[in-house]
Amino acid sequence: MTYLCYLLLYYFCPIMKVVINPKYSHLSDIINELPTRKFTGNSIIREKRNSIYQIEVDGQVFVIKKYKRPTRVNQVIYSYFRLTKARRAYEFAFRLESLGIDTPEPVAYIELKKGGVFHTGYFVSTFMGHPSVEDAVYEEREGYKEILDAFVDFTVQIHEKGVLHYDYNLSNALYYQTEQGYQFALIDINQMKFGKLSLGECLKSVNSLGLSLPQLVWFVEQYALRRGKNPLNCCTSILLRQRARLIRRGTKKKLQNMFVYPVRDFFKKSKSVSK
């Protein structure tokens, strides 16, 4: 009977795992109530696929990232076979810090289970109020060329340290200026690789930055020179990747025009006729 009660509790009652950075143990009460907290007004930064909130405690601002609930299959995978995004973000932050790569300080992560499987994840970090490299480049802010040039050095640095950000775009890198020049911090770090990296992996990462083609070619040329690689070979590799992406995009568009849009329009017309 006791065993049956335990099973019923396990499958029907939410189970919450909370891991807190010892430095922030004094925030345990606040962190534990995050899954039930209602965020309103200025505390909401974004509510889309993944929701981002902020809270202020004793004058310090913290960021809470609530990850979108995964599909049923991924719920099982995250329960038994793979680390959750929240846990990876927390642990990867410590690894980046140990390598001298700046990122918001990890505060805690929460894993919520329902029905015996993973349901929702939360990652809590300190707030860094710096602008993104994307803001500087796309808005052509004062000194953006110098910022982009320093970002080449930063990219070389993290790759040579064996760090690969799988979502390496300009919006996931913050910048700020010190006496030593422009410095950068990585965010959205739940998808990363640590270890020996091939040049192909590094160039694929650079290709995802979202730069215009002239900027991308310049960036790759500088990247290759600073790593002692052949600039022509690296630029050729990037241009081939760009060509392949355009072909894929064109093929997708053709398929949409041939099949998806006609079917969609057919059902729209059917609905209007039935009304």
Protein backbone atom coordinates (compact mmCIF):
# COMPACT_ATOMS: atom_id res chain seq x y z
CA MET A 1 0.00 0.00 0.00
CA THR A 2 2.82 2.39 0.89
CA TYR A 3 4.56 1.61 -2.41
CA LEU A 4 1.33 2.28 -4.33
CA CYS A 5 0.88 5.60 -2.58
CA TYR A 6 4.45 6.53 -3.48
CA LEU A 7 3.81 5.73 -7.15
CA LEU A 8 0.64 7.79 -7.18
CA LEU A 9 2.43 10.74 -5.62
CA TYR A 10 5.32 10.38 -8.10
CA TYR A 11 3.09 10.41 -11.17
CA PHE A 12 0.42 12.88 -10.14
CA CYS A 13 2.19 15.39 -7.90
CA PRO A 14 4.70 17.90 -9.33
CA ILE A 15 8.28 17.27 -8.26
CA MET A 16 10.69 20.19 -8.22
CA LYS A 17 14.47 19.98 -8.25
CA VAL A 18 16.24 23.21 -7.29
CA VAL A 19 20.01 23.77 -7.48
CA ILE A 20 21.31 27.08 -6.12
CA ASN A 21 24.76 28.61 -6.38
CA PRO A 22 26.03 28.65 -2.74
CA LYS A 23 26.88 32.33 -3.18
CA TYR A 24 23.15 33.03 -3.56
CA SER A 25 21.77 30.63 -0.97
CA HIS A 26 20.11 33.58 0.78
CA LEU A 27 17.72 33.77 -2.21
CA SER A 28 16.44 30.21 -1.75
CA ASP A 29 12.92 31.26 -0.67
CA ILE A 30 12.53 33.54 -3.69
CA ILE A 31 13.93 30.96 -6.12
CA ASN A 32 11.73 28.16 -4.81
CA GLU A 33 8.56 30.14 -5.45
CA LEU A 34 9.46 31.16 -9.02
CA PRO A 35 7.35 28.44 -10.77
CA THR A 36 4.20 29.76 -9.06
CA ARG A 37 5.06 33.44 -9.28
CA LYS A 38 2.97 35.71 -11.51
CA PHE A 39 5.12 38.20 -13.41
CA THR A 40 3.57 41.49 -14.48
CA GLY A 41 4.52 44.87 -15.90
CA ASN A 42 8.19 45.75 -16.14
CA SER A 43 9.23 42.37 -14.77
CA ILE A 44 8.34 40.81 -18.14
CA ILE A 45 11.14 41.14 -20.69
CA ARG A 46 9.81 38.66 -23.24
CA GLU A 47 7.03 36.10 -23.41
CA LYS A 48 7.47 34.08 -26.56
CA ARG A 49 8.91 30.62 -27.21
CA ASN A 50 11.06 31.02 -24.13
CA SER A 51 9.94 33.57 -21.56
CA ILE A 52 12.37 35.96 -19.87
CA TYR A 53 11.61 37.86 -16.67
CA GLN A 54 13.56 40.01 -14.24
CA ILE A 55 13.32 40.63 -10.53
CA GLU A 56 15.18 42.97 -8.21
CA VAL A 57 16.33 41.84 -4.77
CA ASP A 58 18.21 44.20 -2.44
CA GLY A 59 19.19 46.43 -5.35
CA GLN A 60 20.50 43.61 -7.55
CA VAL A 61 18.67 42.56 -10.70
CA PHE A 62 18.32 38.90 -11.68
CA VAL A 63 17.08 37.34 -14.92
CA ILE A 64 14.81 34.29 -15.01
CA LYS A 65 14.56 32.30 -18.22
CA LYS A 66 11.63 29.91 -18.43
CA TYR A 67 12.14 27.41 -21.22
CA LYS A 68 9.24 26.33 -23.38
CA ARG A 69 7.79 22.99 -22.38
CA PRO A 70 9.31 20.34 -24.68
CA THR A 71 7.38 17.85 -26.77
CA ARG A 72 6.28 14.56 -25.17
CA VAL A 73 9.22 12.71 -26.72
CA ASN A 74 11.70 15.32 -25.51
CA GLN A 75 10.14 15.28 -22.05
CA VAL A 76 11.15 11.64 -21.78
CA ILE A 77 14.59 12.32 -23.28
CA TYR A 78 15.25 15.15 -20.81
CA SER A 79 14.05 12.95 -17.95
CA TYR A 80 16.36 10.01 -18.57
CA PHE A 81 18.90 10.56 -21.35
CA ARG A 82 19.92 14.21 -21.72
CA LEU A 83 20.57 17.19 -19.48
CA THR A 84 17.85 19.83 -19.56
CA LYS A 85 18.49 23.23 -21.10
CA ALA A 86 18.21 24.87 -17.68
CA ARG A 87 20.85 22.60 -16.15
CA ARG A 88 23.16 22.96 -19.15
CA ALA A 89 22.92 26.75 -19.03
CA TYR A 90 23.79 26.70 -15.31
CA GLU A 91 26.72 24.29 -15.61
CA PHE A 92 28.06 25.79 -18.85
CA ALA A 93 28.20 29.21 -17.18
CA PHE A 94 30.65 27.85 -14.60
CA ARG A 95 32.73 26.24 -17.36
CA LEU A 96 32.93 29.51 -19.26
CA GLU A 97 33.95 31.36 -16.11
CA SER A 98 36.72 28.81 -15.47
CA LEU A 99 38.05 29.50 -19.00
CA GLY A 100 38.03 33.26 -18.48
CA ILE A 101 35.05 33.85 -20.79
CA ASP A 102 32.53 36.34 -19.51
CA THR A 103 28.86 35.43 -19.08
CA PRO A 104 26.14 36.39 -16.58
CA GLU A 105 26.81 34.73 -13.24
CA PRO A 106 24.75 31.57 -12.71
CA VAL A 107 22.42 31.77 -9.71
CA ALA A 108 20.20 28.68 -9.89
CA TYR A 109 18.24 26.28 -12.05
CA ILE A 110 14.90 24.57 -11.52
CA GLU A 111 13.58 21.36 -13.08
CA LEU A 112 9.87 20.71 -12.67
CA LYS A 113 8.51 17.20 -13.25
CA LYS A 114 4.87 16.30 -13.76
CA GLY A 115 3.48 12.83 -14.38
CA GLY A 116 6.90 11.34 -13.76
CA VAL A 117 8.62 13.19 -16.61
CA PHE A 118 10.33 16.53 -17.09
CA HIS A 119 7.90 19.39 -17.67
CA THR A 120 9.46 22.87 -17.33
CA GLY A 121 12.93 24.31 -16.72
CA TYR A 122 14.07 27.64 -15.27
CA PHE A 123 17.52 29.22 -15.32
CA VAL A 124 18.35 32.17 -13.06
CA SER A 125 21.37 34.42 -13.60
CA THR A 126 22.58 37.87 -12.73
CA PHE A 127 21.62 40.71 -15.08
CA MET A 128 24.15 42.32 -17.42
CA GLY A 129 22.77 45.55 -18.79
CA HIS A 130 25.10 45.72 -21.78
CA PRO A 131 23.96 46.13 -25.40
CA SER A 132 24.36 43.30 -27.89
CA VAL A 133 26.83 43.31 -30.76
CA GLU A 134 23.78 43.07 -33.02
CA ASP A 135 22.57 46.47 -31.76
CA ALA A 136 25.94 48.06 -32.53
CA VAL A 137 26.36 46.55 -36.01
CA TYR A 138 22.81 46.77 -37.37
CA GLU A 139 22.26 50.31 -36.06
CA GLU A 140 25.81 51.30 -37.09
CA ARG A 141 26.46 52.88 -33.72
CA GLU A 142 29.55 54.97 -33.16
CA GLY A 143 32.61 52.73 -33.15
CA TYR A 144 30.75 49.67 -34.49
CA LYS A 145 33.63 48.82 -36.84
CA GLU A 146 36.04 48.75 -33.90
CA ILE A 147 33.55 46.63 -31.95
CA LEU A 148 33.31 44.14 -34.82
CA ASP A 149 37.09 44.05 -35.14
CA ALA A 150 37.43 43.28 -31.42
CA PHE A 151 34.72 40.65 -31.80
CA VAL A 152 36.93 38.84 -34.31
CA ASP A 153 39.60 38.56 -31.61
CA PHE A 154 37.02 37.32 -29.12
CA THR A 155 35.77 34.67 -31.56
CA VAL A 156 39.32 33.47 -32.17
CA GLN A 157 39.91 33.38 -28.41
CA ILE A 158 36.90 31.23 -27.53
CA HIS A 159 37.50 28.82 -30.42
CA GLU A 160 41.14 28.37 -29.47
CA LYS A 161 39.96 27.64 -25.92
CA GLY A 162 37.77 24.87 -27.30
CA VAL A 163 34.40 26.61 -26.88
CA LEU A 164 31.77 26.40 -29.60
CA HIS A 165 28.46 28.24 -29.21
CA TYR A 166 25.84 26.44 -31.32
CA ASP A 167 23.67 29.56 -31.47
CA TYR A 168 26.47 32.01 -32.19
CA ASN A 169 24.71 35.10 -33.49
CA LEU A 170 25.29 38.77 -32.78
CA SER A 171 22.31 39.01 -30.40
CA ASN A 172 23.87 36.39 -28.09
CA ALA A 173 27.03 38.43 -27.49
CA LEU A 174 27.01 41.52 -25.27
CA TYR A 175 29.75 44.14 -25.41
CA TYR A 176 31.15 46.74 -23.03
CA GLN A 177 34.25 48.89 -22.91
CA THR A 178 37.08 48.84 -20.38
CA GLU A 179 40.56 50.32 -20.22
CA GLN A 180 41.75 47.24 -22.11
CA GLY A 181 39.29 47.87 -24.96
CA TYR A 182 36.04 46.20 -25.92
CA GLN A 183 35.05 43.10 -23.95
CA PHE A 184 32.31 40.58 -24.66
CA ALA A 185 29.99 38.27 -22.74
CA LEU A 186 28.07 35.27 -24.06
CA ILE A 187 24.40 34.67 -23.30
CA ASP A 188 21.87 31.97 -24.23
CA ILE A 189 24.50 29.35 -23.52
CA ASN A 190 22.50 26.14 -23.14
CA GLN A 191 23.79 24.76 -26.46
CA MET A 192 27.57 24.57 -26.47
CA LYS A 193 30.46 22.24 -27.17
CA PHE A 194 33.66 22.10 -25.15
CA GLY A 195 36.76 20.36 -26.44
CA LYS A 196 38.82 20.07 -29.59
CA LEU A 197 37.23 21.91 -32.52
CA SER A 198 37.79 21.46 -36.22
CA LEU A 199 38.20 24.49 -38.48
CA GLY A 200 35.02 23.45 -40.28
CA GLU A 201 33.03 23.56 -37.03
CA CYS A 202 34.42 27.01 -36.23
CA LEU A 203 33.60 28.40 -39.68
CA LYS A 204 30.09 26.97 -39.50
CA SER A 205 29.65 28.84 -36.22
CA VAL A 206 30.96 32.08 -37.73
CA ASN A 207 28.59 31.63 -40.67
CA SER A 208 25.63 31.85 -38.29
CA LEU A 209 26.52 35.35 -37.04
CA GLY A 210 23.95 37.02 -39.31
CA LEU A 211 26.36 39.47 -40.93
CA SER A 212 25.84 40.84 -44.43
CA LEU A 213 27.87 39.03 -47.07
CA PRO A 214 30.58 41.76 -47.40
CA GLN A 215 30.89 41.94 -43.59
CA LEU A 216 31.00 38.15 -43.33
CA VAL A 217 33.78 37.83 -45.93
CA TRP A 218 35.80 40.52 -44.14
CA PHE A 219 35.17 38.84 -40.76
CA VAL A 220 36.26 35.41 -42.04
CA GLU A 221 39.36 36.85 -43.69
CA GLN A 222 40.41 38.53 -40.44
CA TYR A 223 39.53 35.42 -38.44
CA ALA A 224 41.69 33.24 -40.70
CA LEU A 225 44.65 35.61 -40.57
CA ARG A 226 44.56 35.83 -36.78
CA ARG A 227 44.44 32.04 -36.49
CA GLY A 228 47.21 31.51 -39.03
CA LYS A 229 44.86 29.86 -41.54
CA ASN A 230 44.54 30.38 -45.29
CA PRO A 231 42.08 33.28 -45.80
CA LEU A 232 41.19 32.23 -49.36
CA ASN A 233 40.30 28.68 -48.32
CA CYS A 234 38.25 29.92 -45.36
CA CYS A 235 36.34 32.49 -47.42
CA THR A 236 35.69 29.89 -50.13
CA SER A 237 34.29 27.53 -47.50
CA ILE A 238 31.98 30.24 -46.15
CA LEU A 239 30.76 31.24 -49.64
CA LEU A 240 29.98 27.60 -50.44
CA ARG A 241 27.98 27.38 -47.21
CA GLN A 242 26.10 30.55 -48.13
CA ARG A 243 25.37 29.16 -51.61
CA ALA A 244 24.09 25.88 -50.17
CA ARG A 245 21.85 27.77 -47.75
CA LEU A 246 20.37 29.88 -50.54
CA ILE A 247 19.70 26.74 -52.59
CA ARG A 248 17.96 25.12 -49.63
CA ARG A 249 15.92 28.25 -49.06
CA GLY A 250 15.00 28.46 -52.74
CA THR A 251 13.98 24.79 -52.82
CA LYS A 252 11.85 25.27 -49.72
CA LYS A 253 10.17 28.30 -51.29
CA LYS A 254 9.43 26.37 -54.48
CA LEU A 255 7.89 23.51 -52.51
CA GLN A 256 5.77 25.95 -50.54
CA ASN A 257 4.56 27.59 -53.76
CA MET A 258 3.80 24.20 -55.34
CA PHE A 259 2.10 22.44 -52.44
CA VAL A 260 1.72 24.29 -49.13
CA TYR A 261 0.20 27.59 -50.28
CA PRO A 262 -2.30 26.05 -52.77
CA VAL A 263 -3.55 23.60 -50.12
CA ARG A 264 -3.84 26.39 -47.56
CA ASP A 265 -5.74 28.60 -50.01
CA PHE A 266 -8.03 25.70 -50.92
CA PHE A 267 -9.07 25.18 -47.29
CA LYS A 268 -9.55 28.92 -46.79
CA LYS A 269 -11.89 29.04 -49.78
CA SER A 270 -13.72 25.93 -48.57
CA LYS A 271 -14.35 27.54 -45.19
CA SER A 272 -15.61 30.77 -46.75
CA VAL A 273 -17.99 28.84 -49.04
CA SER A 274 -19.37 26.75 -46.16
CA LYS A 275 -20.15 29.92 -44.24
